[in-house]
Amino acid sequence: MGENKTNGNILVELEEEMVEKIDHIVDAIGQFKSRDDFIELACHEFIVRRNPAAALLG
């Protein structure tokens, strides 16, 4: 049970770090309205790279 709690804490810390880094990128670039806009574009780009036909879906 203690191991799960430790893994959970690690995930929370990683999530916090990732949010901070994304916020920094969003602020530095100034191209995105919000963190969500950045994440949406990043996910779309990731999907298209893995499956180029996905670009046709918009």
C-alpha atoms as a PDB file:
ATOM      1  CA  MET A   1       0.000   0.000   0.000  1.00  0.00           C
ATOM      2  CA  GLY A   2       2.870   2.360   0.793  1.00  0.00           C
ATOM      3  CA  GLU A   3       4.353   1.817  -2.666  1.00  0.00           C
ATOM      4  CA  ASN A   4       1.146   2.985  -4.358  1.00  0.00           C
ATOM      5  CA  LYS A   5       1.140   6.133  -2.257  1.00  0.00           C
ATOM      6  CA  THR A   6       4.744   6.818  -3.232  1.00  0.00           C
ATOM      7  CA  ASN A   7       3.947   6.263  -6.916  1.00  0.00           C
ATOM      8  CA  GLY A   8       0.943   8.552  -6.547  1.00  0.00           C
ATOM      9  CA  ASN A   9       3.133  11.244  -5.017  1.00  0.00           C
ATOM     10  CA  ILE A  10       5.633  10.924  -7.840  1.00  0.00           C
ATOM     11  CA  LEU A  11       2.854  11.291 -10.415  1.00  0.00           C
ATOM     12  CA  VAL A  12       1.523  14.385  -8.651  1.00  0.00           C
ATOM     13  CA  GLU A  13       5.000  15.925  -8.591  1.00  0.00           C
ATOM     14  CA  LEU A  14       5.544  15.140 -12.281  1.00  0.00           C
ATOM     15  CA  GLU A  15       2.163  16.615 -13.161  1.00  0.00           C
ATOM     16  CA  GLU A  16       2.974  19.804 -11.244  1.00  0.00           C
ATOM     17  CA  GLU A  17       6.335  20.095 -13.012  1.00  0.00           C
ATOM     18  CA  MET A  18       4.748  19.526 -16.404  1.00  0.00           C
ATOM     19  CA  VAL A  19       2.065  22.153 -15.774  1.00  0.00           C
ATOM     20  CA  GLU A  20       4.734  24.666 -14.710  1.00  0.00           C
ATOM     21  CA  LYS A  21       6.796  23.952 -17.836  1.00  0.00           C
ATOM     22  CA  ILE A  22       3.783  24.200 -20.136  1.00  0.00           C
ATOM     23  CA  ASP A  23       2.741  27.483 -18.497  1.00  0.00           C
ATOM     24  CA  HIS A  24       6.280  28.797 -19.006  1.00  0.00           C
ATOM     25  CA  ILE A  25       6.217  27.809 -22.690  1.00  0.00           C
ATOM     26  CA  VAL A  26       2.775  29.371 -23.180  1.00  0.00           C
ATOM     27  CA  ASP A  27       3.933  32.629 -21.553  1.00  0.00           C
ATOM     28  CA  ALA A  28       7.277  32.705 -23.381  1.00  0.00           C
ATOM     29  CA  ILE A  29       5.903  32.024 -26.848  1.00  0.00           C
ATOM     30  CA  GLY A  30       2.805  34.174 -26.496  1.00  0.00           C
ATOM     31  CA  GLN A  31       1.142  32.295 -29.354  1.00  0.00           C
ATOM     32  CA  PHE A  32      -1.400  30.419 -27.257  1.00  0.00           C
ATOM     33  CA  LYS A  33      -4.414  31.769 -25.383  1.00  0.00           C
ATOM     34  CA  SER A  34      -4.130  29.194 -22.642  1.00  0.00           C
ATOM     35  CA  ARG A  35      -2.478  26.010 -21.452  1.00  0.00           C
ATOM     36  CA  ASP A  36      -5.415  24.066 -22.906  1.00  0.00           C
ATOM     37  CA  ASP A  37      -4.790  25.514 -26.386  1.00  0.00           C
ATOM     38  CA  PHE A  38      -1.158  24.431 -26.190  1.00  0.00           C
ATOM     39  CA  ILE A  39      -2.077  20.929 -25.015  1.00  0.00           C
ATOM     40  CA  GLU A  40      -4.723  20.566 -27.735  1.00  0.00           C
ATOM     41  CA  LEU A  41      -2.215  21.484 -30.455  1.00  0.00           C
ATOM     42  CA  ALA A  42       0.499  19.270 -28.969  1.00  0.00           C
ATOM     43  CA  CYS A  43      -1.862  16.283 -28.837  1.00  0.00           C
ATOM     44  CA  HIS A  44      -3.007  16.890 -32.406  1.00  0.00           C
ATOM     45  CA  GLU A  45       0.597  17.096 -33.633  1.00  0.00           C
ATOM     46  CA  PHE A  46       1.475  13.895 -31.766  1.00  0.00           C
ATOM     47  CA  ILE A  47      -1.463  12.028 -33.321  1.00  0.00           C
ATOM     48  CA  VAL A  48      -0.637  13.272 -36.825  1.00  0.00           C
ATOM     49  CA  ARG A  49       2.991  12.188 -36.483  1.00  0.00           C
ATOM     50  CA  ARG A  50       1.916   8.715 -35.447  1.00  0.00           C
ATOM     51  CA  ASN A  51      -0.788   8.489 -38.116  1.00  0.00           C
ATOM     52  CA  PRO A  52      -0.491  11.017 -40.968  1.00  0.00           C
ATOM     53  CA  ALA A  53      -4.002  10.162 -42.176  1.00  0.00           C
ATOM     54  CA  ALA A  54      -5.301  11.751 -38.965  1.00  0.00           C
ATOM     55  CA  ALA A  55      -4.443  15.148 -40.470  1.00  0.00           C
ATOM     56  CA  LEU A  56      -7.426  14.689 -42.756  1.00  0.00           C
ATOM     57  CA  LEU A  57      -9.713  14.530 -39.723  1.00  0.00           C
ATOM     58  CA  GLY A  58      -8.860  18.086 -38.761  1.00  0.00           C
END
